[in-house]
Amino acid sequence: MWIQKIVLVLIGLSAGVVVAGGLFSFIVELGVISDFADRTHTGNKIMFYEDMVSAGAVFGNLFQIFGLQMPGGKLFLSVFGLLGGIFVGCWAMALAEILNVFPIFMRRARIVRYLAVFVLMVALGKGFGAGLFFWKRW
């Protein structure tokens, strides 16, 4: 009984670390934050920008997991939606500029020999996770 719970905790934590690390690596690789700092001539505040991205992820998870209500009502929600849309739009444009993220990651992680296995495991994990998500909703 305890072993199952420990294994589930380890799987959940490792999956969360992988997803969060991948997302933040992806944002850094795309250069979204550095592009914002460059275009606004505020490169001296780049650490602040990175901290705010991390804080946004943490608070977003806390609001979603614990079902907390956002302060400020519809006004805050509309401002959040506007800023989130701008960020996602810039993220999509940066992705369109740099489509070779995956090969660079594979080379730097030194797992080029296991590329097929890596891609297969990512695809199986994504499919299994999506299957569990939609199965539990029925």
Protein backbone atom coordinates (compact mmCIF):
# COMPACT_ATOMS: atom_id res chain seq x y z
CA MET A 1 0.00 0.00 0.00
CA TRP A 2 2.69 2.49 1.00
CA ILE A 3 4.94 1.38 -1.83
CA GLN A 4 2.23 2.16 -4.37
CA LYS A 5 1.76 5.65 -2.94
CA ILE A 6 5.49 6.30 -2.92
CA VAL A 7 5.79 5.12 -6.52
CA LEU A 8 2.86 7.34 -7.55
CA VAL A 9 4.42 10.33 -5.79
CA LEU A 10 7.75 9.69 -7.51
CA ILE A 11 6.09 9.32 -10.92
CA GLY A 12 4.04 12.48 -10.39
CA LEU A 13 6.99 14.53 -9.20
CA SER A 14 9.28 13.31 -11.97
CA ALA A 15 6.63 14.00 -14.61
CA GLY A 16 6.07 17.48 -13.21
CA VAL A 17 9.79 18.23 -13.15
CA VAL A 18 10.19 17.02 -16.74
CA VAL A 19 7.26 19.07 -18.01
CA ALA A 20 8.24 22.23 -16.11
CA GLY A 21 11.89 21.90 -17.10
CA GLY A 22 10.94 21.32 -20.70
CA LEU A 23 8.61 24.30 -20.77
CA PHE A 24 11.09 26.71 -19.22
CA SER A 25 13.91 25.37 -21.42
CA PHE A 26 11.65 25.85 -24.40
CA ILE A 27 10.86 29.44 -23.42
CA VAL A 28 14.55 30.20 -22.90
CA GLU A 29 15.55 28.44 -26.15
CA LEU A 30 12.98 30.40 -28.12
CA GLY A 31 14.35 33.60 -26.63
CA VAL A 32 10.97 35.07 -25.78
CA ILE A 33 12.13 36.73 -22.56
CA SER A 34 15.37 38.05 -24.03
CA ASP A 35 13.46 39.36 -27.07
CA PHE A 36 11.07 41.24 -24.78
CA ALA A 37 14.00 42.74 -22.89
CA ASP A 38 15.80 43.64 -26.12
CA ARG A 39 12.80 45.30 -27.74
CA THR A 40 11.96 47.33 -24.65
CA HIS A 41 15.64 48.21 -23.94
CA THR A 42 15.36 46.81 -20.41
CA GLY A 43 18.05 44.13 -20.56
CA ASN A 44 19.17 45.02 -17.03
CA LYS A 45 15.86 43.63 -15.71
CA ILE A 46 16.05 40.21 -17.38
CA MET A 47 16.37 38.40 -14.05
CA PHE A 48 13.15 40.10 -12.93
CA TYR A 49 11.41 38.93 -16.10
CA GLU A 50 12.55 35.35 -15.55
CA ASP A 51 11.41 35.49 -11.94
CA MET A 52 7.99 36.74 -13.04
CA VAL A 53 7.62 33.91 -15.57
CA SER A 54 8.45 31.40 -12.84
CA ALA A 55 6.10 33.10 -10.37
CA GLY A 56 3.33 33.08 -12.97
CA ALA A 57 3.76 29.35 -13.43
CA VAL A 58 3.76 28.69 -9.69
CA PHE A 59 0.73 30.88 -8.96
CA GLY A 60 -1.13 29.56 -11.99
CA ASN A 61 -0.64 26.02 -10.72
CA LEU A 62 -1.74 26.97 -7.21
CA PHE A 63 -4.89 28.66 -8.50
CA GLN A 64 -5.74 25.70 -10.69
CA ILE A 65 -4.90 22.88 -8.27
CA PHE A 66 -6.56 24.38 -5.21
CA GLY A 67 -9.42 26.04 -7.09
CA LEU A 68 -8.67 29.48 -5.72
CA GLN A 69 -10.62 32.48 -6.97
CA MET A 70 -8.66 35.21 -8.71
CA PRO A 71 -8.78 38.56 -6.96
CA GLY A 72 -10.11 41.55 -8.86
CA GLY A 73 -12.95 39.79 -10.64
CA LYS A 74 -13.65 40.31 -14.32
CA LEU A 75 -11.36 43.33 -14.65
CA PHE A 76 -8.33 41.34 -13.51
CA LEU A 77 -9.41 38.43 -15.68
CA SER A 78 -9.62 40.61 -18.79
CA VAL A 79 -6.19 42.15 -18.15
CA PHE A 80 -4.76 38.69 -17.48
CA GLY A 81 -6.31 37.37 -20.69
CA LEU A 82 -4.90 40.24 -22.73
CA LEU A 83 -1.39 39.86 -21.33
CA GLY A 84 -1.54 36.06 -21.60
CA GLY A 85 -2.64 36.35 -25.23
CA ILE A 86 0.22 38.70 -26.01
CA PHE A 87 2.70 36.33 -24.39
CA VAL A 88 1.36 33.26 -26.22
CA GLY A 89 1.38 35.16 -29.51
CA CYS A 90 5.00 36.18 -29.03
CA TRP A 91 5.81 32.62 -28.04
CA ALA A 92 4.23 31.28 -31.22
CA MET A 93 6.16 33.77 -33.36
CA ALA A 94 9.42 32.81 -31.66
CA LEU A 95 8.63 29.15 -32.29
CA ALA A 96 8.04 29.90 -35.95
CA GLU A 97 11.50 31.50 -36.12
CA ILE A 98 13.30 28.62 -34.42
CA LEU A 99 12.00 25.23 -35.47
CA ASN A 100 15.21 23.33 -34.75
CA VAL A 101 14.86 23.22 -30.95
CA PHE A 102 14.43 19.45 -30.76
CA PRO A 103 17.69 18.50 -32.57
CA ILE A 104 19.66 21.03 -30.52
CA PHE A 105 18.22 19.63 -27.29
CA MET A 106 19.05 16.07 -28.33
CA ARG A 107 22.63 16.98 -29.21
CA ARG A 108 23.24 18.96 -26.02
CA ALA A 109 21.69 16.28 -23.84
CA ARG A 110 23.97 13.75 -25.60
CA ILE A 111 21.15 11.35 -26.36
CA VAL A 112 21.50 11.40 -30.14
CA ARG A 113 22.01 7.62 -30.29
CA TYR A 114 18.70 7.04 -28.52
CA LEU A 115 16.65 9.51 -30.56
CA ALA A 116 14.11 6.93 -31.75
CA VAL A 117 13.58 5.57 -28.24
CA PHE A 118 13.29 9.08 -26.79
CA VAL A 119 10.67 10.16 -29.36
CA LEU A 120 8.74 6.91 -28.90
CA MET A 121 8.69 7.27 -25.10
CA VAL A 122 7.56 10.92 -25.31
CA ALA A 123 4.78 9.95 -27.72
CA LEU A 124 3.68 6.98 -25.59
CA GLY A 125 3.74 9.06 -22.43
CA LYS A 126 1.73 11.84 -24.04
CA GLY A 127 -0.79 9.37 -25.42
CA PHE A 128 -1.10 7.48 -22.14
CA GLY A 129 -1.49 10.72 -20.16
CA ALA A 130 -4.14 12.06 -22.54
CA GLY A 131 -5.95 8.70 -22.43
CA LEU A 132 -6.02 8.76 -18.62
CA PHE A 133 -7.18 12.37 -18.59
CA PHE A 134 -10.11 11.78 -20.91
CA TRP A 135 -10.96 8.37 -19.43
CA LYS A 136 -11.34 9.90 -15.94
CA ARG A 137 -13.63 12.63 -17.31
CA TRP A 138 -16.16 10.07 -18.64
